[in-house]
Amino acid sequence: MGLGELAAKLSGVVAIPVTPFGERGAVDTAALERVLARIVDGGIGVVTPNGNTGEFYALTTGEARLAVEVTMSAVGSLATVVVGVGGPVPAAVAGARHARRAGAQAIMIHQPVHPYVSAAGWVGYHEAVAKAVPELGVVLYLRSPRIGGTDLARLREAAPNVIAVKYAVPDPVRFGELVCRAGEFTWIAGLAEPSAPGYFALGATGFTSGLCNVLPQLSVRLLGALRAGDGDTVRRLWRLIQPFEGLRSENASENNVSVVKEALAKLGVCRRDVRPPSHVLGEAKRRRVAEILRAWEMAG
């Protein structure tokens, strides 16, 4: 797949699958296959194993690689696979090279978690990882408002396989400035469905989704309405989605993964288990998830 074709694939719903755990705490590969099938059968064509909703930072290296291999085996012939990589440069490079061996088409580089990040160092970090796998497309996961259009343009010049930006800063004005100044990228609204309408108005052509683990058809319908410029349908779907996403985003998104896994548990897809520093939902929020699922069922 050429970079142009890959960029077009990224202009849509980019699913971030959960990583299910079994009763003894290990990765539940059978449940992961069910999650992936649910996403792809629901009409979504891009999946990102080892994203934040996949609890990337709670996985061992072996588990992260297992998630990639299960994904490629289960849906690699049906979807574009963008593998999340991160950590120190050697670890991120090793993850990227494993993704290449497994047959993935692209990687997504997680935002560096180092407490002291300079703009030049940010560019150097991503350049080192991208250049290690020049055959793969690279998606940047941008969570810092300090990175500007000049930084992105410099990185793209140094590493032409950097083709997309997953923008996860809650600042539409800043996003609009980057789109105008950074040059040609595929822009992905990285704060999921609630941010998509505003960011699409400013140049995004895709959005990430954890909701699609649960009801992928809802995410696909939102994408269709955004592409068609159907504002009435966008607003109706946004109101339907927002209670679920609002629950995920409470208290600095502490229950981002837990809400999704609770919904999947109620649907019989996988267990609700998450790993520290996440925590399973309390009873009140479990009831709230059940209410949302009933509302979706009634809405069709």
C-alpha atoms as a PDB file:
ATOM      1  CA  MET A   1       0.000   0.000   0.000  1.00  0.00           C
ATOM      2  CA  GLY A   2       1.456   3.372  -1.013  1.00  0.00           C
ATOM      3  CA  LEU A   3       1.547   6.317   1.369  1.00  0.00           C
ATOM      4  CA  GLY A   4      -1.147   8.157  -0.585  1.00  0.00           C
ATOM      5  CA  GLU A   5      -3.517   5.207  -0.385  1.00  0.00           C
ATOM      6  CA  LEU A   6      -2.720   4.770   3.303  1.00  0.00           C
ATOM      7  CA  ALA A   7      -3.435   8.439   3.997  1.00  0.00           C
ATOM      8  CA  ALA A   8      -6.840   8.019   2.363  1.00  0.00           C
ATOM      9  CA  LYS A   9      -7.561   4.970   4.540  1.00  0.00           C
ATOM     10  CA  LEU A  10      -6.836   7.026   7.657  1.00  0.00           C
ATOM     11  CA  SER A  11      -9.557   9.499   6.674  1.00  0.00           C
ATOM     12  CA  GLY A  12     -12.309   7.718   8.548  1.00  0.00           C
ATOM     13  CA  VAL A  13     -12.982   6.015  11.861  1.00  0.00           C
ATOM     14  CA  VAL A  14      -9.740   4.856  13.482  1.00  0.00           C
ATOM     15  CA  ALA A  15     -10.671   2.190  16.017  1.00  0.00           C
ATOM     16  CA  ILE A  16      -8.695   1.784  19.247  1.00  0.00           C
ATOM     17  CA  PRO A  17      -9.562  -1.738  20.467  1.00  0.00           C
ATOM     18  CA  VAL A  18      -9.424  -2.678  24.116  1.00  0.00           C
ATOM     19  CA  THR A  19      -7.064  -5.412  25.285  1.00  0.00           C
ATOM     20  CA  PRO A  20      -9.223  -7.944  27.160  1.00  0.00           C
ATOM     21  CA  PHE A  21      -7.800  -9.810  30.154  1.00  0.00           C
ATOM     22  CA  GLY A  22      -8.792 -13.255  31.351  1.00  0.00           C
ATOM     23  CA  GLU A  23      -9.706 -14.459  34.829  1.00  0.00           C
ATOM     24  CA  ARG A  24      -6.030 -14.898  35.777  1.00  0.00           C
ATOM     25  CA  GLY A  25      -4.973 -11.543  34.348  1.00  0.00           C
ATOM     26  CA  ALA A  26      -3.337 -12.617  31.090  1.00  0.00           C
ATOM     27  CA  VAL A  27      -4.337 -11.221  27.706  1.00  0.00           C
ATOM     28  CA  ASP A  28      -7.471 -13.055  26.562  1.00  0.00           C
ATOM     29  CA  THR A  29      -6.738 -13.660  22.897  1.00  0.00           C
ATOM     30  CA  ALA A  30     -10.126 -15.227  22.132  1.00  0.00           C
ATOM     31  CA  ALA A  31     -11.905 -12.195  23.586  1.00  0.00           C
ATOM     32  CA  LEU A  32      -9.595  -9.869  21.643  1.00  0.00           C
ATOM     33  CA  GLU A  33     -10.561 -11.668  18.449  1.00  0.00           C
ATOM     34  CA  ARG A  34     -14.247 -11.107  19.313  1.00  0.00           C
ATOM     35  CA  VAL A  35     -13.620  -7.407  19.904  1.00  0.00           C
ATOM     36  CA  LEU A  36     -11.760  -7.040  16.613  1.00  0.00           C
ATOM     37  CA  ALA A  37     -14.425  -8.924  14.668  1.00  0.00           C
ATOM     38  CA  ARG A  38     -17.099  -6.699  16.222  1.00  0.00           C
ATOM     39  CA  ILE A  39     -15.247  -3.577  15.075  1.00  0.00           C
ATOM     40  CA  VAL A  40     -14.548  -4.722  11.522  1.00  0.00           C
ATOM     41  CA  ASP A  41     -17.948  -6.367  11.011  1.00  0.00           C
ATOM     42  CA  GLY A  42     -19.439  -3.035  12.073  1.00  0.00           C
ATOM     43  CA  GLY A  43     -17.922  -1.339   9.041  1.00  0.00           C
ATOM     44  CA  ILE A  44     -14.659   0.102  10.364  1.00  0.00           C
ATOM     45  CA  GLY A  45     -11.543  -0.291   8.252  1.00  0.00           C
ATOM     46  CA  VAL A  46      -8.683   0.936  10.480  1.00  0.00           C
ATOM     47  CA  VAL A  47      -7.656  -0.596  13.822  1.00  0.00           C
ATOM     48  CA  THR A  48      -4.901   0.468  16.202  1.00  0.00           C
ATOM     49  CA  PRO A  49      -3.730  -2.244  18.597  1.00  0.00           C
ATOM     50  CA  ASN A  50      -1.760  -0.880  21.553  1.00  0.00           C
ATOM     51  CA  GLY A  51      -3.483   2.472  21.744  1.00  0.00           C
ATOM     52  CA  ASN A  52      -4.343   4.096  25.057  1.00  0.00           C
ATOM     53  CA  THR A  53      -7.768   2.444  25.140  1.00  0.00           C
ATOM     54  CA  GLY A  54      -5.816  -0.781  24.636  1.00  0.00           C
ATOM     55  CA  GLU A  55      -3.910  -0.015  27.896  1.00  0.00           C
ATOM     56  CA  PHE A  56      -0.589   0.180  26.055  1.00  0.00           C
ATOM     57  CA  TYR A  57       1.337   1.419  29.079  1.00  0.00           C
ATOM     58  CA  ALA A  58       0.018  -1.450  31.232  1.00  0.00           C
ATOM     59  CA  LEU A  59       1.207  -4.151  28.822  1.00  0.00           C
ATOM     60  CA  THR A  60       4.527  -5.942  28.818  1.00  0.00           C
ATOM     61  CA  THR A  61       6.548  -5.946  25.617  1.00  0.00           C
ATOM     62  CA  GLY A  62       5.498  -9.524  24.988  1.00  0.00           C
ATOM     63  CA  GLU A  63       1.818  -8.719  25.517  1.00  0.00           C
ATOM     64  CA  ALA A  64       1.986  -5.716  23.196  1.00  0.00           C
ATOM     65  CA  ARG A  65       3.522  -7.895  20.500  1.00  0.00           C
ATOM     66  CA  LEU A  66       0.882 -10.561  21.108  1.00  0.00           C
ATOM     67  CA  ALA A  67      -1.855  -7.956  20.589  1.00  0.00           C
ATOM     68  CA  VAL A  68      -0.298  -7.046  17.235  1.00  0.00           C
ATOM     69  CA  GLU A  69      -0.020 -10.660  16.132  1.00  0.00           C
ATOM     70  CA  VAL A  70      -3.605 -11.478  17.138  1.00  0.00           C
ATOM     71  CA  THR A  71      -4.829  -8.385  15.321  1.00  0.00           C
ATOM     72  CA  MET A  72      -2.980  -9.248  12.130  1.00  0.00           C
ATOM     73  CA  SER A  73      -4.232 -12.826  12.225  1.00  0.00           C
ATOM     74  CA  ALA A  74      -7.837 -11.872  13.003  1.00  0.00           C
ATOM     75  CA  VAL A  75      -8.417  -8.818  10.802  1.00  0.00           C
ATOM     76  CA  GLY A  76      -5.172  -7.992   8.997  1.00  0.00           C
ATOM     77  CA  SER A  77      -6.671  -9.002   5.651  1.00  0.00           C
ATOM     78  CA  LEU A  78      -9.825  -6.963   6.308  1.00  0.00           C
ATOM     79  CA  ALA A  79      -8.549  -3.718   7.812  1.00  0.00           C
ATOM     80  CA  THR A  80      -5.596  -1.350   7.817  1.00  0.00           C
ATOM     81  CA  VAL A  81      -3.562  -1.999  10.969  1.00  0.00           C
ATOM     82  CA  VAL A  82      -1.783   0.916  12.653  1.00  0.00           C
ATOM     83  CA  VAL A  83       0.312  -0.331  15.584  1.00  0.00           C
ATOM     84  CA  GLY A  84       0.855   1.832  18.655  1.00  0.00           C
ATOM     85  CA  VAL A  85       4.515   2.106  19.707  1.00  0.00           C
ATOM     86  CA  GLY A  86       6.239   4.246  22.308  1.00  0.00           C
ATOM     87  CA  GLY A  87       8.567   4.527  25.280  1.00  0.00           C
ATOM     88  CA  PRO A  88      12.322   5.123  24.931  1.00  0.00           C
ATOM     89  CA  VAL A  89      13.536   5.381  21.337  1.00  0.00           C
ATOM     90  CA  PRO A  90      15.039   1.839  21.274  1.00  0.00           C
ATOM     91  CA  ALA A  91      11.778   0.359  22.589  1.00  0.00           C
ATOM     92  CA  ALA A  92       9.677   2.344  20.123  1.00  0.00           C
ATOM     93  CA  VAL A  93      11.955   1.307  17.241  1.00  0.00           C
ATOM     94  CA  ALA A  94      11.776  -2.341  18.304  1.00  0.00           C
ATOM     95  CA  GLY A  95       7.974  -2.116  18.431  1.00  0.00           C
ATOM     96  CA  ALA A  96       7.894  -0.496  14.995  1.00  0.00           C
ATOM     97  CA  ARG A  97      10.109  -3.180  13.497  1.00  0.00           C
ATOM     98  CA  HIS A  98       7.965  -5.886  15.026  1.00  0.00           C
ATOM     99  CA  ALA A  99       4.908  -4.229  13.486  1.00  0.00           C
ATOM    100  CA  ARG A 100       6.646  -4.302  10.110  1.00  0.00           C
ATOM    101  CA  ARG A 101       7.507  -8.000  10.458  1.00  0.00           C
ATOM    102  CA  ALA A 102       3.930  -8.765  11.472  1.00  0.00           C
ATOM    103  CA  GLY A 103       2.636  -7.121   8.293  1.00  0.00           C
ATOM    104  CA  ALA A 104       1.122  -3.889   9.635  1.00  0.00           C
ATOM    105  CA  GLN A 105       0.820  -0.957   7.254  1.00  0.00           C
ATOM    106  CA  ALA A 106       1.588   1.836   9.729  1.00  0.00           C
ATOM    107  CA  ILE A 107       2.568   2.767  13.256  1.00  0.00           C
ATOM    108  CA  MET A 108       1.215   5.369  15.634  1.00  0.00           C
ATOM    109  CA  ILE A 109       3.902   6.867  17.863  1.00  0.00           C
ATOM    110  CA  HIS A 110       2.616   7.619  21.347  1.00  0.00           C
ATOM    111  CA  GLN A 111       3.333  11.047  22.777  1.00  0.00           C
ATOM    112  CA  PRO A 112       6.651  10.891  24.684  1.00  0.00           C
ATOM    113  CA  VAL A 113       6.038  10.645  28.443  1.00  0.00           C
ATOM    114  CA  HIS A 114       9.397  12.152  29.410  1.00  0.00           C
ATOM    115  CA  PRO A 115       8.814  15.056  31.847  1.00  0.00           C
ATOM    116  CA  TYR A 116      11.185  17.388  29.960  1.00  0.00           C
ATOM    117  CA  VAL A 117      10.310  17.620  26.271  1.00  0.00           C
ATOM    118  CA  SER A 118      11.781  20.288  24.004  1.00  0.00           C
ATOM    119  CA  ALA A 119      10.337  20.974  20.569  1.00  0.00           C
ATOM    120  CA  ALA A 120      13.624  20.004  18.918  1.00  0.00           C
ATOM    121  CA  GLY A 121      13.813  16.853  21.022  1.00  0.00           C
ATOM    122  CA  TRP A 122      10.222  15.987  20.109  1.00  0.00           C
ATOM    123  CA  VAL A 123      11.117  16.227  16.430  1.00  0.00           C
ATOM    124  CA  GLY A 124      14.262  14.148  16.956  1.00  0.00           C
ATOM    125  CA  TYR A 125      12.396  11.438  18.856  1.00  0.00           C
ATOM    126  CA  HIS A 126       9.797  10.948  16.138  1.00  0.00           C
ATOM    127  CA  GLU A 127      12.342  11.232  13.350  1.00  0.00           C
ATOM    128  CA  ALA A 128      14.425   8.406  14.848  1.00  0.00           C
ATOM    129  CA  VAL A 129      11.426   6.072  15.066  1.00  0.00           C
ATOM    130  CA  ALA A 130      10.015   6.959  11.656  1.00  0.00           C
ATOM    131  CA  LYS A 131      13.342   6.511   9.880  1.00  0.00           C
ATOM    132  CA  ALA A 132      13.733   3.035  11.379  1.00  0.00           C
ATOM    133  CA  VAL A 133      10.722   1.831   9.355  1.00  0.00           C
ATOM    134  CA  PRO A 134      10.664   3.902   6.152  1.00  0.00           C
ATOM    135  CA  GLU A 135       8.334   1.392   4.500  1.00  0.00           C
ATOM    136  CA  LEU A 136       5.571   2.081   7.028  1.00  0.00           C
ATOM    137  CA  GLY A 137       3.300   5.076   7.315  1.00  0.00           C
ATOM    138  CA  VAL A 138       3.615   6.998  10.567  1.00  0.00           C
ATOM    139  CA  VAL A 139       0.836   8.632  12.570  1.00  0.00           C
ATOM    140  CA  LEU A 140       1.878  11.150  15.219  1.00  0.00           C
ATOM    141  CA  TYR A 141      -0.078  11.177  18.472  1.00  0.00           C
ATOM    142  CA  LEU A 142       0.029  14.852  19.386  1.00  0.00           C
ATOM    143  CA  ARG A 143      -1.106  15.722  22.914  1.00  0.00           C
ATOM    144  CA  SER A 144       1.044  18.782  23.572  1.00  0.00           C
ATOM    145  CA  PRO A 145      -0.073  22.299  22.574  1.00  0.00           C
ATOM    146  CA  ARG A 146       3.587  23.345  22.555  1.00  0.00           C
ATOM    147  CA  ILE A 147       4.298  21.576  19.270  1.00  0.00           C
ATOM    148  CA  GLY A 148       3.723  23.970  16.388  1.00  0.00           C
ATOM    149  CA  GLY A 149       3.295  23.889  12.654  1.00  0.00           C
ATOM    150  CA  THR A 150       6.993  24.560  12.055  1.00  0.00           C
ATOM    151  CA  ASP A 151       7.911  21.511  14.149  1.00  0.00           C
ATOM    152  CA  LEU A 152       5.539  19.290  12.202  1.00  0.00           C
ATOM    153  CA  ALA A 153       6.776  20.589   8.860  1.00  0.00           C
ATOM    154  CA  ARG A 154      10.408  20.005   9.910  1.00  0.00           C
ATOM    155  CA  LEU A 155       9.606  16.430  10.902  1.00  0.00           C
ATOM    156  CA  ARG A 156       7.749  15.735   7.668  1.00  0.00           C
ATOM    157  CA  GLU A 157      10.724  16.997   5.657  1.00  0.00           C
ATOM    158  CA  ALA A 158      13.117  14.750   7.600  1.00  0.00           C
ATOM    159  CA  ALA A 159      10.835  11.693   7.531  1.00  0.00           C
ATOM    160  CA  PRO A 160       8.447  11.686   4.535  1.00  0.00           C
ATOM    161  CA  ASN A 161       6.623   8.606   5.810  1.00  0.00           C
ATOM    162  CA  VAL A 162       5.083  10.757   8.569  1.00  0.00           C
ATOM    163  CA  ILE A 163       1.704  11.235   6.927  1.00  0.00           C
ATOM    164  CA  ALA A 164      -0.924  11.775   9.626  1.00  0.00           C
ATOM    165  CA  VAL A 165      -1.498  13.538  12.928  1.00  0.00           C
ATOM    166  CA  LYS A 166      -3.821  12.265  15.621  1.00  0.00           C
ATOM    167  CA  TYR A 167      -4.550  15.562  17.356  1.00  0.00           C
ATOM    168  CA  ALA A 168      -5.611  15.120  20.976  1.00  0.00           C
ATOM    169  CA  VAL A 169      -5.383  18.646  22.350  1.00  0.00           C
ATOM    170  CA  PRO A 170      -8.788  20.108  23.349  1.00  0.00           C
ATOM    171  CA  ASP A 171      -8.153  23.398  21.553  1.00  0.00           C
ATOM    172  CA  PRO A 172      -9.870  23.871  18.166  1.00  0.00           C
ATOM    173  CA  VAL A 173      -8.203  27.242  17.627  1.00  0.00           C
ATOM    174  CA  ARG A 174      -4.759  25.718  18.030  1.00  0.00           C
ATOM    175  CA  PHE A 175      -5.777  22.873  15.745  1.00  0.00           C
ATOM    176  CA  GLY A 176      -6.902  25.305  13.048  1.00  0.00           C
ATOM    177  CA  GLU A 177      -3.565  27.118  13.243  1.00  0.00           C
ATOM    178  CA  LEU A 178      -1.649  23.856  12.829  1.00  0.00           C
ATOM    179  CA  VAL A 179      -3.690  22.789   9.820  1.00  0.00           C
ATOM    180  CA  CYS A 180      -2.947  26.108   8.150  1.00  0.00           C
ATOM    181  CA  ARG A 181       0.779  26.143   8.963  1.00  0.00           C
ATOM    182  CA  ALA A 182       2.038  22.555   9.119  1.00  0.00           C
ATOM    183  CA  GLY A 183       1.670  21.470   5.521  1.00  0.00           C
ATOM    184  CA  GLU A 184      -0.035  18.436   4.082  1.00  0.00           C
ATOM    185  CA  PHE A 185      -1.064  15.799   6.628  1.00  0.00           C
ATOM    186  CA  THR A 186      -4.086  13.612   7.180  1.00  0.00           C
ATOM    187  CA  TRP A 187      -5.640  15.108  10.317  1.00  0.00           C
ATOM    188  CA  ILE A 188      -7.395  12.778  12.760  1.00  0.00           C
ATOM    189  CA  ALA A 189      -9.499  14.173  15.600  1.00  0.00           C
ATOM    190  CA  GLY A 190      -7.866  12.354  18.497  1.00  0.00           C
ATOM    191  CA  LEU A 191     -10.442  13.064  21.197  1.00  0.00           C
ATOM    192  CA  ALA A 192     -12.998  10.690  19.696  1.00  0.00           C
ATOM    193  CA  GLU A 193     -16.557  11.326  18.522  1.00  0.00           C
ATOM    194  CA  PRO A 194     -17.371  14.381  20.700  1.00  0.00           C
ATOM    195  CA  SER A 195     -14.546  16.414  19.131  1.00  0.00           C
ATOM    196  CA  ALA A 196     -15.090  15.238  15.575  1.00  0.00           C
ATOM    197  CA  PRO A 197     -17.697  17.779  14.368  1.00  0.00           C
ATOM    198  CA  GLY A 198     -15.663  20.788  15.465  1.00  0.00           C
ATOM    199  CA  TYR A 199     -12.381  19.431  14.182  1.00  0.00           C
ATOM    200  CA  PHE A 200     -13.881  18.312  10.870  1.00  0.00           C
ATOM    201  CA  ALA A 201     -14.913  21.923  10.289  1.00  0.00           C
ATOM    202  CA  LEU A 202     -11.235  22.894  10.546  1.00  0.00           C
ATOM    203  CA  GLY A 203      -9.673  20.187   8.398  1.00  0.00           C
ATOM    204  CA  ALA A 204      -9.880  16.801  10.121  1.00  0.00           C
ATOM    205  CA  THR A 205     -11.012  13.948   7.900  1.00  0.00           C
ATOM    206  CA  GLY A 206     -11.007  11.143  10.473  1.00  0.00           C
ATOM    207  CA  PHE A 207     -11.481  10.538  14.174  1.00  0.00           C
ATOM    208  CA  THR A 208     -10.373   7.966  16.710  1.00  0.00           C
ATOM    209  CA  SER A 209     -12.916   5.855  18.546  1.00  0.00           C
ATOM    210  CA  GLY A 210     -13.117   3.677  21.632  1.00  0.00           C
ATOM    211  CA  LEU A 211     -16.903   3.683  21.428  1.00  0.00           C
ATOM    212  CA  CYS A 212     -16.630   1.511  18.315  1.00  0.00           C
ATOM    213  CA  ASN A 213     -15.606  -1.437  20.502  1.00  0.00           C
ATOM    214  CA  VAL A 214     -19.201  -1.353  21.721  1.00  0.00           C
ATOM    215  CA  LEU A 215     -21.340  -0.020  18.860  1.00  0.00           C
ATOM    216  CA  PRO A 216     -19.243   0.555  15.728  1.00  0.00           C
ATOM    217  CA  GLN A 217     -22.298   1.294  13.610  1.00  0.00           C
ATOM    218  CA  LEU A 218     -22.866   4.478  15.614  1.00  0.00           C
ATOM    219  CA  SER A 219     -19.356   5.730  14.826  1.00  0.00           C
ATOM    220  CA  VAL A 220     -19.790   4.858  11.140  1.00  0.00           C
ATOM    221  CA  ARG A 221     -23.095   6.729  10.995  1.00  0.00           C
ATOM    222  CA  LEU A 222     -21.473   9.809  12.516  1.00  0.00           C
ATOM    223  CA  LEU A 223     -18.674   9.676   9.938  1.00  0.00           C
ATOM    224  CA  GLY A 224     -21.202   9.447   7.122  1.00  0.00           C
ATOM    225  CA  ALA A 225     -23.142  12.437   8.414  1.00  0.00           C
ATOM    226  CA  LEU A 226     -19.957  14.487   8.769  1.00  0.00           C
ATOM    227  CA  ARG A 227     -18.892  13.680   5.232  1.00  0.00           C
ATOM    228  CA  ALA A 228     -22.337  14.553   3.901  1.00  0.00           C
ATOM    229  CA  GLY A 229     -22.485  17.826   5.812  1.00  0.00           C
ATOM    230  CA  ASP A 230     -25.753  16.661   7.411  1.00  0.00           C
ATOM    231  CA  GLY A 231     -25.771  18.877  10.476  1.00  0.00           C
ATOM    232  CA  ASP A 232     -29.100  17.662  11.838  1.00  0.00           C
ATOM    233  CA  THR A 233     -27.943  14.045  11.853  1.00  0.00           C
ATOM    234  CA  VAL A 234     -24.545  14.994  13.294  1.00  0.00           C
ATOM    235  CA  ARG A 235     -26.216  16.792  16.208  1.00  0.00           C
ATOM    236  CA  ARG A 236     -28.658  13.947  16.824  1.00  0.00           C
ATOM    237  CA  LEU A 237     -25.883  11.352  16.886  1.00  0.00           C
ATOM    238  CA  TRP A 238     -23.653  13.605  19.002  1.00  0.00           C
ATOM    239  CA  ARG A 239     -26.388  13.847  21.642  1.00  0.00           C
ATOM    240  CA  LEU A 240     -26.750  10.056  21.603  1.00  0.00           C
ATOM    241  CA  ILE A 241     -23.007   9.479  21.947  1.00  0.00           C
ATOM    242  CA  GLN A 242     -22.163  12.204  24.466  1.00  0.00           C
ATOM    243  CA  PRO A 243     -23.432  10.517  27.680  1.00  0.00           C
ATOM    244  CA  PHE A 244     -21.110   7.552  27.071  1.00  0.00           C
ATOM    245  CA  GLU A 245     -18.144   9.696  26.099  1.00  0.00           C
ATOM    246  CA  GLY A 246     -18.842  12.121  28.932  1.00  0.00           C
ATOM    247  CA  LEU A 247     -18.646   9.244  31.396  1.00  0.00           C
ATOM    248  CA  ARG A 248     -15.312   8.211  29.879  1.00  0.00           C
ATOM    249  CA  SER A 249     -13.872  11.711  30.140  1.00  0.00           C
ATOM    250  CA  GLU A 250     -14.819  12.453  33.765  1.00  0.00           C
ATOM    251  CA  ASN A 251     -11.985  13.246  36.195  1.00  0.00           C
ATOM    252  CA  ALA A 252      -9.265  13.562  33.549  1.00  0.00           C
ATOM    253  CA  SER A 253     -10.508  10.415  31.750  1.00  0.00           C
ATOM    254  CA  GLU A 254      -9.760   8.128  34.684  1.00  0.00           C
ATOM    255  CA  ASN A 255     -12.462   5.701  33.493  1.00  0.00           C
ATOM    256  CA  ASN A 256     -11.741   5.950  29.772  1.00  0.00           C
ATOM    257  CA  VAL A 257     -11.068   2.229  29.417  1.00  0.00           C
ATOM    258  CA  SER A 258     -13.228   1.034  32.291  1.00  0.00           C
ATOM    259  CA  VAL A 259     -16.427   2.411  30.749  1.00  0.00           C
ATOM    260  CA  VAL A 260     -15.758   0.669  27.439  1.00  0.00           C
ATOM    261  CA  LYS A 261     -14.920  -2.650  29.095  1.00  0.00           C
ATOM    262  CA  GLU A 262     -17.974  -2.408  31.338  1.00  0.00           C
ATOM    263  CA  ALA A 263     -20.190  -2.028  28.290  1.00  0.00           C
ATOM    264  CA  LEU A 264     -18.485  -4.965  26.588  1.00  0.00           C
ATOM    265  CA  ALA A 265     -18.896  -7.062  29.726  1.00  0.00           C
ATOM    266  CA  LYS A 266     -22.619  -6.326  29.765  1.00  0.00           C
ATOM    267  CA  LEU A 267     -22.767  -7.405  26.121  1.00  0.00           C
ATOM    268  CA  GLY A 268     -20.904 -10.638  26.901  1.00  0.00           C
ATOM    269  CA  VAL A 269     -17.893  -9.804  24.710  1.00  0.00           C
ATOM    270  CA  CYS A 270     -15.115  -9.714  27.329  1.00  0.00           C
ATOM    271  CA  ARG A 271     -14.483  -9.250  31.032  1.00  0.00           C
ATOM    272  CA  ARG A 272     -14.530  -5.799  32.650  1.00  0.00           C
ATOM    273  CA  ASP A 273     -11.014  -6.218  34.111  1.00  0.00           C
ATOM    274  CA  VAL A 274      -8.525  -3.377  33.678  1.00  0.00           C
ATOM    275  CA  ARG A 275      -5.005  -2.977  35.044  1.00  0.00           C
ATOM    276  CA  PRO A 276      -3.680  -0.343  37.445  1.00  0.00           C
ATOM    277  CA  PRO A 277      -3.560   2.609  37.333  1.00  0.00           C
ATOM    278  CA  SER A 278      -7.059   2.162  35.852  1.00  0.00           C
ATOM    279  CA  HIS A 279      -9.787   0.621  38.005  1.00  0.00           C
ATOM    280  CA  VAL A 280     -13.080  -1.139  37.335  1.00  0.00           C
ATOM    281  CA  LEU A 281     -16.202   0.993  37.698  1.00  0.00           C
ATOM    282  CA  GLY A 282     -18.177   1.199  40.911  1.00  0.00           C
ATOM    283  CA  GLU A 283     -21.773   0.037  41.025  1.00  0.00           C
ATOM    284  CA  ALA A 284     -23.343   3.449  40.357  1.00  0.00           C
ATOM    285  CA  LYS A 285     -21.380   3.961  37.155  1.00  0.00           C
ATOM    286  CA  ARG A 286     -22.061   0.378  36.094  1.00  0.00           C
ATOM    287  CA  ARG A 287     -25.766   1.173  36.297  1.00  0.00           C
ATOM    288  CA  ARG A 288     -25.180   4.310  34.246  1.00  0.00           C
ATOM    289  CA  VAL A 289     -23.472   2.286  31.505  1.00  0.00           C
ATOM    290  CA  ALA A 290     -26.439  -0.097  31.467  1.00  0.00           C
ATOM    291  CA  GLU A 291     -28.827   2.859  31.084  1.00  0.00           C
ATOM    292  CA  ILE A 292     -26.833   4.190  28.131  1.00  0.00           C
ATOM    293  CA  LEU A 293     -26.865   0.805  26.408  1.00  0.00           C
ATOM    294  CA  ARG A 294     -30.647   0.631  26.827  1.00  0.00           C
ATOM    295  CA  ALA A 295     -31.009   4.128  25.381  1.00  0.00           C
ATOM    296  CA  TRP A 296     -28.966   3.125  22.348  1.00  0.00           C
ATOM    297  CA  GLU A 297     -31.058   0.002  21.862  1.00  0.00           C
ATOM    298  CA  MET A 298     -34.272   2.055  21.952  1.00  0.00           C
ATOM    299  CA  ALA A 299     -32.813   4.605  19.526  1.00  0.00           C
ATOM    300  CA  GLY A 300     -32.003   1.862  17.043  1.00  0.00           C
END
